[in-house]
Protein backbone atom coordinates (compact mmCIF):
# COMPACT_ATOMS: atom_id res chain seq x y z
CA UNK A 1 23.79 27.93 7.40
CA UNK A 2 20.12 26.93 7.01
CA UNK A 3 19.33 27.04 11.10
CA UNK A 4 21.52 30.19 11.07
CA UNK A 5 18.59 31.69 7.98
CA UNK A 6 15.88 30.15 9.53
CA UNK A 7 16.77 31.39 13.03
CA UNK A 8 16.80 28.08 14.44
CA UNK A 9 14.57 26.40 13.15
CA UNK A 10 14.23 22.99 11.14
CA UNK A 11 11.36 23.42 9.11
CA UNK A 12 8.73 26.64 8.07
CA UNK A 13 6.29 23.72 8.19
CA UNK A 14 4.07 23.63 11.38
CA UNK A 15 6.33 20.18 11.79
CA UNK A 16 5.73 20.68 15.44
CA UNK A 17 2.29 20.48 15.75
CA UNK A 18 2.37 18.32 12.75
CA UNK A 19 3.80 14.94 14.49
CA UNK A 20 4.28 13.09 11.25
CA UNK A 21 4.48 9.59 10.97
CA UNK A 22 6.28 9.18 7.94
CA UNK A 23 8.68 12.16 6.33
CA UNK A 24 10.90 11.69 2.96
CA UNK A 25 13.96 14.02 2.54
CA UNK A 26 14.47 14.50 -1.51
CA UNK A 27 18.30 14.61 -2.13
CA UNK A 28 19.01 14.04 1.33
CA UNK A 29 22.82 15.03 0.69
CA UNK A 30 25.28 13.57 3.68
CA UNK A 31 22.08 13.20 5.89
CA UNK A 32 23.36 15.57 7.83
CA UNK A 33 19.91 17.81 7.86
CA UNK A 34 18.85 18.70 11.20
CA UNK A 35 15.56 16.42 10.68
CA UNK A 36 17.61 13.21 11.41
CA UNK A 37 18.57 14.33 14.61
CA UNK A 38 15.65 16.42 15.99
CA UNK A 39 12.42 14.17 15.19
CA UNK A 40 9.99 12.82 16.85
CA UNK A 41 10.60 9.44 18.29
CA UNK A 42 8.04 7.78 16.44
CA UNK A 43 8.49 9.46 13.06
CA UNK A 44 10.01 7.71 10.54
CA UNK A 45 12.90 9.53 7.95
CA UNK A 46 13.77 8.24 4.81
CA UNK A 47 16.27 10.05 2.75
CA UNK A 48 16.54 9.25 -0.92
CA UNK A 49 19.82 10.41 -3.37
CA UNK A 50 21.87 9.27 -5.99
CA UNK A 51 25.15 8.22 -3.88
CA UNK A 52 24.65 6.39 -0.58
CA UNK A 53 26.96 7.98 1.69
CA UNK A 54 24.32 9.03 4.69
CA UNK A 55 24.17 8.10 7.68
CA UNK A 56 20.39 7.12 7.97
CA UNK A 57 17.66 5.69 6.73
CA UNK A 58 18.32 5.90 3.04
CA UNK A 59 17.29 4.26 -0.07
CA UNK A 60 19.59 4.87 -3.59
CA UNK A 61 17.14 6.36 -6.28
CA UNK A 62 16.15 8.34 -8.77
CA UNK A 63 13.66 10.87 -8.00
CA UNK A 64 12.55 11.50 -11.44
CA UNK A 65 12.03 8.07 -12.10
CA UNK A 66 8.45 5.98 -10.51
CA UNK A 67 8.51 6.19 -7.38
CA UNK A 68 7.73 2.47 -5.58
CA UNK A 69 6.45 4.36 -2.06
CA UNK A 70 2.88 3.55 -1.39
CA UNK A 71 0.25 6.35 -2.55
CA UNK A 72 -0.60 9.15 0.53
CA UNK A 73 2.34 7.42 2.28
CA UNK A 74 3.89 10.30 3.93
CA UNK A 75 3.05 13.13 6.22
CA UNK A 76 5.84 15.44 5.25
CA UNK A 77 8.19 15.51 1.75
CA UNK A 78 10.95 17.79 2.36
CA UNK A 79 13.13 18.61 -0.96
CA UNK A 80 16.53 20.79 -0.96
CA UNK A 81 19.15 22.01 -3.26
CA UNK A 82 17.51 20.50 -6.59
CA UNK A 83 17.69 22.94 -9.20
CA UNK A 84 21.02 21.13 -10.74
CA UNK A 85 19.68 17.70 -10.59
CA UNK A 86 15.94 17.82 -11.40
CA UNK A 87 14.87 17.98 -15.39
CA UNK A 88 10.85 17.75 -15.12
CA UNK A 89 9.52 19.63 -12.00
CA UNK A 90 5.80 19.72 -12.94
CA UNK A 91 6.28 15.40 -12.91
CA UNK A 92 8.79 15.80 -9.18
CA UNK A 93 5.83 17.85 -7.64
CA UNK A 94 3.09 15.23 -9.12
CA UNK A 95 5.24 12.39 -7.35
CA UNK A 96 4.97 14.56 -4.42
CA UNK A 97 1.15 15.14 -4.56
CA UNK A 98 0.37 11.41 -5.10
CA UNK A 99 2.59 10.23 -2.24
CA UNK A 100 1.79 12.66 0.16
CA UNK A 101 -1.33 12.02 3.23
CA UNK A 102 -4.03 14.66 2.78
CA UNK A 103 -3.53 16.98 4.66
CA UNK A 104 0.43 16.66 4.72
CA UNK A 105 2.77 19.12 3.95
CA UNK A 106 5.57 19.39 1.31
CA UNK A 107 9.24 21.81 1.82
CA UNK A 108 10.63 22.99 -1.40
CA UNK A 109 14.56 24.40 -0.80
CA UNK A 110 15.95 26.30 -3.79
CA UNK A 111 17.83 28.91 -5.07
CA UNK A 112 18.42 31.39 -7.24
CA UNK A 113 21.17 30.87 -10.07
CA UNK A 114 20.11 33.89 -12.24
CA UNK A 115 22.55 36.21 -10.98
CA UNK A 116 24.81 37.25 -8.21
CA UNK A 117 23.28 40.21 -6.55
CA UNK A 118 24.55 43.37 -4.88
CA UNK A 119 23.08 46.41 -2.86
CA UNK A 120 25.84 48.97 -4.13
CA UNK A 121 28.86 49.40 -6.98
CA UNK A 122 31.21 47.21 -5.47
CA UNK A 123 30.53 44.15 -8.22
CA UNK A 124 32.06 44.85 -11.59
CA UNK A 125 30.35 43.32 -14.86
CA UNK A 126 32.02 40.19 -15.36
CA UNK A 127 33.39 39.05 -12.43
CA UNK A 128 34.77 35.68 -11.50
CA UNK A 129 31.56 35.13 -9.50
CA UNK A 130 29.96 36.17 -13.08
CA UNK A 131 32.18 34.19 -14.99
CA UNK A 132 31.21 30.53 -12.68
CA UNK A 133 27.46 31.37 -12.51
CA UNK A 134 27.03 31.63 -16.51
CA UNK A 135 29.11 28.68 -17.14
CA UNK A 136 27.65 26.61 -14.50
CA UNK A 137 24.41 27.56 -16.11
CA UNK A 138 24.93 27.33 -19.28
CA UNK A 139 25.99 23.96 -19.05
CA UNK A 140 22.86 23.10 -16.88
CA UNK A 141 20.50 24.10 -19.25
CA UNK A 142 22.67 21.90 -21.53
CA UNK A 143 21.89 18.76 -19.82
CA UNK A 144 18.38 19.28 -19.64
CA UNK A 145 17.96 21.41 -15.82
CA UNK A 146 16.19 24.98 -14.84
CA UNK A 147 18.44 27.18 -13.91
CA UNK A 148 16.26 30.01 -14.32
CA UNK A 149 13.32 28.76 -12.26
CA UNK A 150 12.05 31.44 -9.86
CA UNK A 151 10.55 31.62 -6.48
CA UNK A 152 7.14 32.11 -8.31
CA UNK A 153 7.43 29.13 -11.15
CA UNK A 154 8.39 26.88 -7.87
CA UNK A 155 4.84 28.35 -6.41
CA UNK A 156 3.16 27.83 -9.91
CA UNK A 157 4.16 24.30 -10.11
CA UNK A 158 2.96 23.37 -7.03
CA UNK A 159 -0.17 24.73 -7.40
CA UNK A 160 -0.89 23.30 -11.08
CA UNK A 161 0.37 19.82 -8.90
CA UNK A 162 -2.79 20.47 -6.70
CA UNK A 163 -1.14 22.11 -3.78
CA UNK A 164 -3.13 24.32 -1.76
CA UNK A 165 -2.43 27.00 0.92
CA UNK A 166 1.01 27.85 -0.51
CA UNK A 167 3.27 30.03 1.33
CA UNK A 168 6.40 31.93 -0.06
CA UNK A 169 9.63 33.15 2.11
CA UNK A 170 12.68 34.30 0.75
CA UNK A 171 15.96 35.10 2.16
CA UNK A 172 19.36 36.65 1.64
CA UNK A 173 22.19 35.37 1.72
CA UNK A 174 25.76 36.76 1.50
CA UNK A 175 28.59 35.72 -0.23
CA UNK A 176 31.34 36.70 2.56
CA UNK A 177 31.07 38.82 6.03
CA UNK A 178 30.72 42.08 4.23
CA UNK A 179 26.98 42.82 5.62
CA UNK A 180 27.12 44.94 9.11
CA UNK A 181 24.01 43.53 10.45
CA UNK A 182 25.14 40.85 12.86
CA UNK A 183 23.18 37.69 11.83
CA UNK A 184 23.89 38.65 8.20
CA UNK A 185 27.19 38.77 8.67
CA UNK A 186 27.01 34.76 11.10
CA UNK A 187 25.24 33.64 7.71
CA UNK A 188 27.25 35.33 5.58
CA UNK A 189 30.61 33.53 7.35
CA UNK A 190 28.58 30.10 7.52
CA UNK A 191 28.52 30.35 3.39
CA UNK A 192 31.84 30.93 3.07
CA UNK A 193 33.20 27.97 5.19
CA UNK A 194 30.68 25.73 2.83
CA UNK A 195 32.15 27.81 0.04
CA UNK A 196 36.24 26.67 0.47
CA UNK A 197 35.08 23.66 -1.38
CA UNK A 198 31.66 24.44 -2.80
CA UNK A 199 32.64 26.59 -5.86
CA UNK A 200 34.67 23.27 -7.17
CA UNK A 201 32.50 20.77 -5.38
CA UNK A 202 29.45 22.62 -6.91
CA UNK A 203 30.19 23.51 -10.07
CA UNK A 204 33.34 21.67 -11.62
CA UNK A 205 31.77 18.68 -13.02
CA UNK A 206 28.72 20.14 -14.36
CA UNK A 207 31.28 22.87 -15.79
CA UNK A 208 33.55 20.17 -17.74
CA UNK A 209 30.27 18.20 -18.42
CA UNK A 210 28.93 21.53 -20.88
CA UNK A 211 32.12 21.62 -22.38
CA UNK A 212 33.76 23.56 -20.40
CA UNK A 213 37.41 23.74 -20.63
CA UNK A 214 39.20 22.31 -17.47
CA UNK A 215 42.24 24.68 -17.08
CA UNK A 216 39.71 27.79 -17.62
CA UNK A 217 37.32 26.06 -15.03
CA UNK A 218 39.84 25.76 -12.40
CA UNK A 219 40.81 29.71 -12.97
CA UNK A 220 37.54 30.67 -12.38
CA UNK A 221 37.25 28.34 -9.40
CA UNK A 222 40.59 29.54 -8.03
CA UNK A 223 39.43 33.28 -8.65
CA UNK A 224 36.27 33.01 -6.91
CA UNK A 225 37.51 31.65 -3.71
CA UNK A 226 40.69 34.30 -3.80
CA UNK A 227 37.90 37.32 -3.93
CA UNK A 228 35.65 35.60 -1.30
CA UNK A 229 38.29 35.56 1.26
CA UNK A 230 39.27 39.41 0.08
CA UNK A 231 35.89 40.38 0.67
CA UNK A 232 35.84 43.09 -1.66
CA UNK A 233 32.79 42.44 -3.26
CA UNK A 234 29.28 43.22 -1.87
CA UNK A 235 27.43 40.50 -3.36
CA UNK A 236 24.59 37.79 -2.70
CA UNK A 237 22.36 35.03 -3.90
CA UNK A 238 18.77 34.56 -3.45
CA UNK A 239 17.44 31.25 -1.21
CA UNK A 240 13.67 30.10 -1.14
CA UNK A 241 11.54 28.13 0.81
CA UNK A 242 8.24 27.18 -0.25
CA UNK A 243 5.50 25.56 1.72
CA UNK A 244 2.32 23.68 0.93
CA UNK A 245 -0.21 21.57 1.63
CA UNK A 246 -1.82 18.60 -0.14
CA UNK A 247 -5.85 19.12 0.45
């Protein structure tokens, strides 16, 4: 889905000309990030996450604890979809700055959690999408995360950490295949594939930890899947990429 969103690019940094020797991927997930399959032959890529399920060189670590890497060690630090996990973003970005080499780049890839947007009137108020998102963000707030952060917030936090040459990119990701535009329809279709399990995998545990009742949580998740397949509601969310350089 990310390759489709970025028109086939792996990253929006000048990665191909940077020729990084050491890359850190924060929140690497399954390790299937394309960076692992298309790195320069002499690039060392390290993935960090809380669960060791990755088929790459990997370390289990909590990114909000003190980083044990050498200072000025990495040439490129990539971070994706950690809005549900990071509680202290200034500290997190300070870690990046400390352990990134001078002239190196960071790329932050995050998405909106404030609301589902619509270009028309097809999305009703208090839909199951809205119920799912409200329950998720309430739980995240109770757990100390910051689901209301915006593109401008991330850029400001990077600037406060000392980064320069900050570039912002914003994408609309359709929830379903409703768009007429061919590229947007394909992107929405890829989202549907992810969301077949994503509404539950991404939200259920967090919603229960935030005090949700299991039966109600399962109902909302089930209805989200059903409505997504029907495609009646024209909704999308925002995904952001922020690129910045350490002077």
